Amino acid sequence: MSNNNESLAEVHGSVSTSGRVGWKRIFSFLGPAYMVSVGYMDPGNWATDLAAGSQFGYQLIWV
């Protein structure tokens, strides 16, 4: 028989936040949204850019 209890129930819960929507909250979604949209539109270019960045670091910043 399977157990219907929730796994790790002690870590599941709610976090209270302020009801305001400010610029900080909006900008916190823009970085990840940009990365996901670039990966969706052109995954080959994104993978190449990540590989080049990991190999050369900031040496290619002015190219």
Foldseek 3Di string as FASTA:
>chain_A
DDDPDDPPVVPDDDDDDDPDDDPVNVVVVVVVVVLVVCCVVCVVVSVVVVVCCVVPPCPPVPD
